[in-house]
């Protein structure tokens, strides 16, 4: 009784088709497919962004970086 045979699944499929209709099921499948495709493209573009080198060139050894050091003061209450 624990396992379902192919006939059980066919009856369930028939009931689902009768309740929802083939057009709604087709639209649901198309919507789900486009959502998965969009998710994959989004993940691919994120991976491509991470793989691309940054435009900023890091300083090489022995290069002087000019700047100013400022002491941060804490406000008194």
PDB file of N, CA and C in Angstrom:
ATOM      1  N   UNK A   1       0.810  -1.187   0.000  1.00  0.00           N
ATOM      2  CA  UNK A   1       0.000   0.000   0.000  1.00  0.00           C
ATOM      3  C   UNK A   1       0.861   1.262   0.000  1.00  0.00           C
ATOM      4  N   UNK A   2       2.117   1.153   0.385  1.00  0.00           N
ATOM      5  CA  UNK A   2       2.994   2.309   0.477  1.00  0.00           C
ATOM      6  C   UNK A   2       3.453   2.839  -0.866  1.00  0.00           C
ATOM      7  N   UNK A   3       3.538   1.991  -1.882  1.00  0.00           N
ATOM      8  CA  UNK A   3       4.039   2.456  -3.172  1.00  0.00           C
ATOM      9  C   UNK A   3       2.882   2.648  -4.149  1.00  0.00           C
ATOM     10  N   UNK A   4       3.060   3.611  -5.049  1.00  0.00           N
ATOM     11  CA  UNK A   4       2.040   3.889  -6.049  1.00  0.00           C
ATOM     12  C   UNK A   4       2.497   3.323  -7.394  1.00  0.00           C
ATOM     13  N   UNK A   5       1.602   2.648  -8.064  1.00  0.00           N
ATOM     14  CA  UNK A   5       1.940   2.083  -9.365  1.00  0.00           C
ATOM     15  C   UNK A   5       1.728   3.125 -10.456  1.00  0.00           C
ATOM     16  N   UNK A   6       2.068   2.768 -11.678  1.00  0.00           N
ATOM     17  CA  UNK A   6       1.914   3.674 -12.809  1.00  0.00           C
ATOM     18  C   UNK A   6       0.448   4.032 -13.026  1.00  0.00           C
ATOM     19  N   UNK A   7      -0.447   3.112 -12.718  1.00  0.00           N
ATOM     20  CA  UNK A   7      -1.873   3.376 -12.899  1.00  0.00           C
ATOM     21  C   UNK A   7      -2.361   4.457 -11.943  1.00  0.00           C
ATOM     22  N   UNK A   8      -1.842   4.444 -10.721  1.00  0.00           N
ATOM     23  CA  UNK A   8      -2.211   5.494  -9.768  1.00  0.00           C
ATOM     24  C   UNK A   8      -1.780   6.864 -10.287  1.00  0.00           C
ATOM     25  N   UNK A   9      -0.557   6.941 -10.804  1.00  0.00           N
ATOM     26  CA  UNK A   9      -0.041   8.205 -11.324  1.00  0.00           C
ATOM     27  C   UNK A   9      -0.832   8.666 -12.556  1.00  0.00           C
ATOM     28  N   UNK A  10      -1.230   7.738 -13.401  1.00  0.00           N
ATOM     29  CA  UNK A  10      -2.026   8.113 -14.577  1.00  0.00           C
ATOM     30  C   UNK A  10      -3.392   8.655 -14.183  1.00  0.00           C
ATOM     31  N   UNK A  11      -3.987   8.062 -13.172  1.00  0.00           N
ATOM     32  CA  UNK A  11      -5.286   8.555 -12.688  1.00  0.00           C
ATOM     33  C   UNK A  11      -5.129   9.943 -12.082  1.00  0.00           C
ATOM     34  N   UNK A  12      -4.074  10.156 -11.309  1.00  0.00           N
ATOM     35  CA  UNK A  12      -3.820  11.476 -10.728  1.00  0.00           C
ATOM     36  C   UNK A  12      -3.605  12.510 -11.830  1.00  0.00           C
ATOM     37  N   UNK A  13      -2.836  12.149 -12.859  1.00  0.00           N
ATOM     38  CA  UNK A  13      -2.597  13.046 -13.986  1.00  0.00           C
ATOM     39  C   UNK A  13      -3.897  13.378 -14.712  1.00  0.00           C
ATOM     40  N   UNK A  14      -4.745  12.389 -14.909  1.00  0.00           N
ATOM     41  CA  UNK A  14      -6.033  12.606 -15.570  1.00  0.00           C
ATOM     42  C   UNK A  14      -6.912  13.560 -14.762  1.00  0.00           C
ATOM     43  N   UNK A  15      -6.939  13.395 -13.453  1.00  0.00           N
ATOM     44  CA  UNK A  15      -7.740  14.273 -12.600  1.00  0.00           C
ATOM     45  C   UNK A  15      -7.198  15.705 -12.654  1.00  0.00           C
ATOM     46  N   UNK A  16      -5.883  15.852 -12.625  1.00  0.00           N
ATOM     47  CA  UNK A  16      -5.281  17.193 -12.682  1.00  0.00           C
ATOM     48  C   UNK A  16      -5.619  17.868 -14.005  1.00  0.00           C
ATOM     49  N   UNK A  17      -5.533  17.133 -15.113  1.00  0.00           N
ATOM     50  CA  UNK A  17      -5.860  17.688 -16.422  1.00  0.00           C
ATOM     51  C   UNK A  17      -7.330  18.071 -16.485  1.00  0.00           C
ATOM     52  N   UNK A  18      -8.198  17.254 -15.924  1.00  0.00           N
ATOM     53  CA  UNK A  18      -9.626  17.579 -15.934  1.00  0.00           C
ATOM     54  C   UNK A  18      -9.940  18.802 -15.079  1.00  0.00           C
ATOM     55  N   UNK A  19      -9.252  18.958 -13.967  1.00  0.00           N
ATOM     56  CA  UNK A  19      -9.527  20.075 -13.068  1.00  0.00           C
ATOM     57  C   UNK A  19      -8.969  21.388 -13.640  1.00  0.00           C
ATOM     58  N   UNK A  20      -7.714  21.374 -14.085  1.00  0.00           N
ATOM     59  CA  UNK A  20      -7.069  22.607 -14.512  1.00  0.00           C
ATOM     60  C   UNK A  20      -7.181  22.865 -16.012  1.00  0.00           C
ATOM     61  N   UNK A  21      -7.299  21.850 -16.808  1.00  0.00           N
ATOM     62  CA  UNK A  21      -7.337  22.034 -18.253  1.00  0.00           C
ATOM     63  C   UNK A  21      -5.932  22.074 -18.828  1.00  0.00           C
ATOM     64  N   UNK A  22      -5.819  21.713 -20.089  1.00  0.00           N
ATOM     65  CA  UNK A  22      -4.485  21.630 -20.703  1.00  0.00           C
ATOM     66  C   UNK A  22      -3.885  23.006 -20.947  1.00  0.00           C
ATOM     67  N   UNK A  23      -4.712  24.017 -21.228  1.00  0.00           N
ATOM     68  CA  UNK A  23      -4.180  25.343 -21.511  1.00  0.00           C
ATOM     69  C   UNK A  23      -3.520  25.950 -20.274  1.00  0.00           C
ATOM     70  N   UNK A  24      -4.166  25.826 -19.131  1.00  0.00           N
ATOM     71  CA  UNK A  24      -3.580  26.362 -17.901  1.00  0.00           C
ATOM     72  C   UNK A  24      -2.296  25.624 -17.546  1.00  0.00           C
ATOM     73  N   UNK A  25      -2.288  24.307 -17.728  1.00  0.00           N
ATOM     74  CA  UNK A  25      -1.083  23.536 -17.423  1.00  0.00           C
ATOM     75  C   UNK A  25       0.053  23.905 -18.363  1.00  0.00           C
ATOM     76  N   UNK A  26      -0.264  24.144 -19.646  1.00  0.00           N
ATOM     77  CA  UNK A  26       0.757  24.534 -20.614  1.00  0.00           C
ATOM     78  C   UNK A  26       1.338  25.893 -20.249  1.00  0.00           C
ATOM     79  N   UNK A  27       0.453  26.839 -19.871  1.00  0.00           N
ATOM     80  CA  UNK A  27       0.918  28.163 -19.461  1.00  0.00           C
ATOM     81  C   UNK A  27       1.770  28.090 -18.197  1.00  0.00           C
ATOM     82  N   UNK A  28       1.356  27.240 -17.267  1.00  0.00           N
ATOM     83  CA  UNK A  28       2.116  27.066 -16.035  1.00  0.00           C
ATOM     84  C   UNK A  28       3.504  26.511 -16.332  1.00  0.00           C
ATOM     85  N   UNK A  29       3.581  25.541 -17.226  1.00  0.00           N
ATOM     86  CA  UNK A  29       4.874  24.972 -17.605  1.00  0.00           C
ATOM     87  C   UNK A  29       5.763  25.987 -18.298  1.00  0.00           C
ATOM     88  N   UNK A  30       5.183  26.819 -19.171  1.00  0.00           N
ATOM     89  CA  UNK A  30       5.955  27.843 -19.869  1.00  0.00           C
ATOM     90  C   UNK A  30       6.468  28.894 -18.887  1.00  0.00           C
ATOM     91  N   UNK A  31       5.629  29.287 -17.938  1.00  0.00           N
ATOM     92  CA  UNK A  31       6.040  30.274 -16.942  1.00  0.00           C
ATOM     93  C   UNK A  31       7.157  29.731 -16.057  1.00  0.00           C
ATOM     94  N   UNK A  32       7.029  28.485 -15.657  1.00  0.00           N
ATOM     95  CA  UNK A  32       8.054  27.869 -14.826  1.00  0.00           C
ATOM     96  C   UNK A  32       9.365  27.751 -15.595  1.00  0.00           C
ATOM     97  N   UNK A  33       9.288  27.356 -16.859  1.00  0.00           N
ATOM     98  CA  UNK A  33      10.496  27.235 -17.678  1.00  0.00           C
ATOM     99  C   UNK A  33      11.189  28.567 -17.877  1.00  0.00           C
ATOM    100  N   UNK A  34      10.431  29.630 -18.118  1.00  0.00           N
ATOM    101  CA  UNK A  34      11.047  30.945 -18.307  1.00  0.00           C
ATOM    102  C   UNK A  34      11.649  31.462 -17.002  1.00  0.00           C
ATOM    103  N   UNK A  35      11.031  31.133 -15.881  1.00  0.00           N
ATOM    104  CA  UNK A  35      11.587  31.550 -14.596  1.00  0.00           C
ATOM    105  C   UNK A  35      12.918  30.849 -14.325  1.00  0.00           C
ATOM    106  N   UNK A  36      12.989  29.569 -14.616  1.00  0.00           N
ATOM    107  CA  UNK A  36      14.236  28.821 -14.414  1.00  0.00           C
ATOM    108  C   UNK A  36      15.311  29.337 -15.362  1.00  0.00           C
ATOM    109  N   UNK A  37      14.935  29.612 -16.605  1.00  0.00           N
ATOM    110  CA  UNK A  37      15.890  30.126 -17.589  1.00  0.00           C
ATOM    111  C   UNK A  37      16.427  31.489 -17.151  1.00  0.00           C
ATOM    112  N   UNK A  38      15.546  32.354 -16.663  1.00  0.00           N
ATOM    113  CA  UNK A  38      15.970  33.665 -16.171  1.00  0.00           C
ATOM    114  C   UNK A  38      16.891  33.553 -14.973  1.00  0.00           C
ATOM    115  N   UNK A  39      16.611  32.611 -14.091  1.00  0.00           N
ATOM    116  CA  UNK A  39      17.469  32.395 -12.927  1.00  0.00           C
ATOM    117  C   UNK A  39      18.859  31.946 -13.353  1.00  0.00           C
ATOM    118  N   UNK A  40      18.922  31.018 -14.316  1.00  0.00           N
ATOM    119  CA  UNK A  40      20.216  30.538 -14.804  1.00  0.00           C
ATOM    120  C   UNK A  40      21.013  31.660 -15.458  1.00  0.00           C
ATOM    121  N   UNK A  41      20.342  32.511 -16.259  1.00  0.00           N
ATOM    122  CA  UNK A  41      21.032  33.626 -16.898  1.00  0.00           C
ATOM    123  C   UNK A  41      21.537  34.619 -15.855  1.00  0.00           C
ATOM    124  N   UNK A  42      20.752  34.840 -14.820  1.00  0.00           N
ATOM    125  CA  UNK A  42      21.178  35.734 -13.752  1.00  0.00           C
ATOM    126  C   UNK A  42      22.390  35.203 -13.011  1.00  0.00           C
ATOM    127  N   UNK A  43      22.401  33.917 -12.753  1.00  0.00           N
ATOM    128  CA  UNK A  43      23.550  33.312 -12.086  1.00  0.00           C
ATOM    129  C   UNK A  43      24.776  33.356 -12.984  1.00  0.00           C
ATOM    130  N   UNK A  44      24.585  33.124 -14.290  1.00  0.00           N
ATOM    131  CA  UNK A  44      25.701  33.144 -15.223  1.00  0.00           C
ATOM    132  C   UNK A  44      26.300  34.543 -15.300  1.00  0.00           C
ATOM    133  N   UNK A  45      25.470  35.568 -15.351  1.00  0.00           N
ATOM    134  CA  UNK A  45      25.988  36.928 -15.448  1.00  0.00           C
ATOM    135  C   UNK A  45      26.720  37.323 -14.172  1.00  0.00           C
ATOM    136  N   UNK A  46      26.263  36.863 -13.021  1.00  0.00           N
ATOM    137  CA  UNK A  46      26.965  37.136 -11.771  1.00  0.00           C
ATOM    138  C   UNK A  46      28.333  36.466 -11.758  1.00  0.00           C
ATOM    139  N   UNK A  47      28.414  35.236 -12.258  1.00  0.00           N
ATOM    140  CA  UNK A  47      29.693  34.530 -12.307  1.00  0.00           C
ATOM    141  C   UNK A  47      30.637  35.213 -13.285  1.00  0.00           C
ATOM    142  N   UNK A  48      30.115  35.702 -14.415  1.00  0.00           N
ATOM    143  CA  UNK A  48      30.954  36.394 -15.384  1.00  0.00           C
ATOM    144  C   UNK A  48      31.471  37.704 -14.809  1.00  0.00           C
ATOM    145  N   UNK A  49      30.641  38.413 -14.047  1.00  0.00           N
ATOM    146  CA  UNK A  49      31.084  39.658 -13.426  1.00  0.00           C
ATOM    147  C   UNK A  49      32.199  39.392 -12.429  1.00  0.00           C
ATOM    148  N   UNK A  50      32.080  38.315 -11.677  1.00  0.00           N
ATOM    149  CA  UNK A  50      33.095  37.988 -10.679  1.00  0.00           C
ATOM    150  C   UNK A  50      34.394  37.539 -11.346  1.00  0.00           C
ATOM    151  N   UNK A  51      34.312  36.926 -12.522  1.00  0.00           N
ATOM    152  CA  UNK A  51      35.503  36.409 -13.201  1.00  0.00           C
ATOM    153  C   UNK A  51      36.268  37.509 -13.921  1.00  0.00           C
ATOM    154  N   UNK A  52      35.621  38.606 -14.280  1.00  0.00           N
ATOM    155  CA  UNK A  52      36.289  39.674 -15.002  1.00  0.00           C
ATOM    156  C   UNK A  52      37.221  40.430 -14.067  1.00  0.00           C
ATOM    157  N   UNK A  53      38.421  40.797 -14.561  1.00  0.00           N
ATOM    158  CA  UNK A  53      39.337  41.559 -13.713  1.00  0.00           C
ATOM    159  C   UNK A  53      38.811  42.978 -13.519  1.00  0.00           C
ATOM    160  N   UNK A  54      39.129  43.535 -12.389  1.00  0.00           N
ATOM    161  CA  UNK A  54      38.678  44.890 -12.091  1.00  0.00           C
ATOM    162  C   UNK A  54      39.490  45.891 -12.906  1.00  0.00           C
ATOM    163  N   UNK A  55      38.906  47.032 -13.203  1.00  0.00           N
ATOM    164  CA  UNK A  55      39.561  48.052 -14.002  1.00  0.00           C
ATOM    165  C   UNK A  55      40.662  48.752 -13.217  1.00  0.00           C
ATOM    166  N   UNK A  56      40.577  48.717 -11.902  1.00  0.00           N
ATOM    167  CA  UNK A  56      41.565  49.368 -11.061  1.00  0.00           C
ATOM    168  C   UNK A  56      42.871  48.579 -11.087  1.00  0.00           C
ATOM    169  N   UNK A  57      43.978  49.268 -11.294  1.00  0.00           N
ATOM    170  CA  UNK A  57      45.292  48.616 -11.345  1.00  0.00           C
ATOM    171  C   UNK A  57      45.923  48.730  -9.968  1.00  0.00           C
ATOM    172  N   UNK A  58      46.260  47.613  -9.345  1.00  0.00           N
ATOM    173  CA  UNK A  58      46.868  47.674  -8.012  1.00  0.00           C
ATOM    174  C   UNK A  58      48.306  48.198  -8.107  1.00  0.00           C
ATOM    175  N   UNK A  59      48.794  48.828  -7.042  1.00  0.00           N
ATOM    176  CA  UNK A  59      50.166  49.349  -7.083  1.00  0.00           C
ATOM    177  C   UNK A  59      51.183  48.214  -7.136  1.00  0.00           C
ATOM    178  N   UNK A  60      52.274  48.464  -7.831  1.00  0.00           N
ATOM    179  CA  UNK A  60      53.333  47.460  -7.932  1.00  0.00           C
ATOM    180  C   UNK A  60      54.306  47.648  -6.783  1.00  0.00           C
ATOM    181  N   UNK A  61      55.227  46.732  -6.626  1.00  0.00           N
ATOM    182  CA  UNK A  61      56.209  46.793  -5.553  1.00  0.00           C
ATOM    183  C   UNK A  61      57.111  47.998  -5.755  1.00  0.00           C
ATOM    184  N   UNK A  62      57.310  48.772  -4.699  1.00  0.00           N
ATOM    185  CA  UNK A  62      58.193  49.924  -4.759  1.00  0.00           C
ATOM    186  C   UNK A  62      57.511  51.191  -5.237  1.00  0.00           C
ATOM    187  N   UNK A  63      56.233  51.151  -5.504  1.00  0.00           N
ATOM    188  CA  UNK A  63      55.522  52.336  -5.983  1.00  0.00           C
ATOM    189  C   UNK A  63      55.043  53.145  -4.784  1.00  0.00           C
ATOM    190  N   UNK A  64      55.210  54.458  -4.862  1.00  0.00           N
ATOM    191  CA  UNK A  64      54.806  55.337  -3.783  1.00  0.00           C
ATOM    192  C   UNK A  64      53.365  55.771  -3.997  1.00  0.00           C
ATOM    193  N   UNK A  65      52.598  55.684  -2.933  1.00  0.00           N
ATOM    194  CA  UNK A  65      51.214  56.130  -2.976  1.00  0.00           C
ATOM    195  C   UNK A  65      51.123  57.372  -2.114  1.00  0.00           C
ATOM    196  N   UNK A  66      50.684  58.462  -2.722  1.00  0.00           N
ATOM    197  CA  UNK A  66      50.584  59.714  -1.989  1.00  0.00           C
ATOM    198  C   UNK A  66      49.233  59.793  -1.290  1.00  0.00           C
ATOM    199  N   UNK A  67      49.261  60.403  -0.120  1.00  0.00           N
ATOM    200  CA  UNK A  67      48.027  60.552   0.618  1.00  0.00           C
ATOM    201  C   UNK A  67      48.246  61.370   1.869  1.00  0.00           C
ATOM    202  N   UNK A  68      47.221  61.544   2.625  1.00  0.00           N
ATOM    203  CA  UNK A  68      47.275  62.350   3.831  1.00  0.00           C
ATOM    204  C   UNK A  68      46.682  61.547   4.974  1.00  0.00           C
ATOM    205  N   UNK A  69      47.327  61.592   6.129  1.00  0.00           N
ATOM    206  CA  UNK A  69      46.820  60.887   7.298  1.00  0.00           C
ATOM    207  C   UNK A  69      46.186  61.907   8.212  1.00  0.00           C
ATOM    208  N   UNK A  70      44.950  61.660   8.572  1.00  0.00           N
ATOM    209  CA  UNK A  70      44.251  62.570   9.472  1.00  0.00           C
ATOM    210  C   UNK A  70      43.856  61.832  10.735  1.00  0.00           C
ATOM    211  N   UNK A  71      43.989  62.501  11.873  1.00  0.00           N
ATOM    212  CA  UNK A  71      43.602  61.903  13.126  1.00  0.00           C
ATOM    213  C   UNK A  71      42.116  62.116  13.324  1.00  0.00           C
ATOM    214  N   UNK A  72      41.419  61.040  13.670  1.00  0.00           N
ATOM    215  CA  UNK A  72      39.983  61.130  13.858  1.00  0.00           C
ATOM    216  C   UNK A  72      39.720  61.588  15.281  1.00  0.00           C
ATOM    217  N   UNK A  73      38.962  62.622  15.413  1.00  0.00           N
ATOM    218  CA  UNK A  73      38.643  63.120  16.748  1.00  0.00           C
ATOM    219  C   UNK A  73      37.264  62.626  17.158  1.00  0.00           C
ATOM    220  N   UNK A  74      37.112  62.355  18.433  1.00  0.00           N
ATOM    221  CA  UNK A  74      35.820  61.907  18.946  1.00  0.00           C
ATOM    222  C   UNK A  74      35.094  63.099  19.527  1.00  0.00           C
ATOM    223  N   UNK A  75      33.811  63.242  19.179  1.00  0.00           N
ATOM    224  CA  UNK A  75      33.057  64.386  19.740  1.00  0.00           C
ATOM    225  C   UNK A  75      32.770  64.193  21.212  1.00  0.00           C
ATOM    226  N   UNK A  76      32.857  65.293  21.955  1.00  0.00           N
ATOM    227  CA  UNK A  76      32.606  65.252  23.410  1.00  0.00           C
ATOM    228  C   UNK A  76      31.156  65.604  23.667  1.00  0.00           C
ATOM    229  N   UNK A  77      30.529  64.840  24.528  1.00  0.00           N
ATOM    230  CA  UNK A  77      29.118  65.086  24.821  1.00  0.00           C
ATOM    231  C   UNK A  77      28.923  65.923  26.039  1.00  0.00           C
TER     232      UNK A  77
END
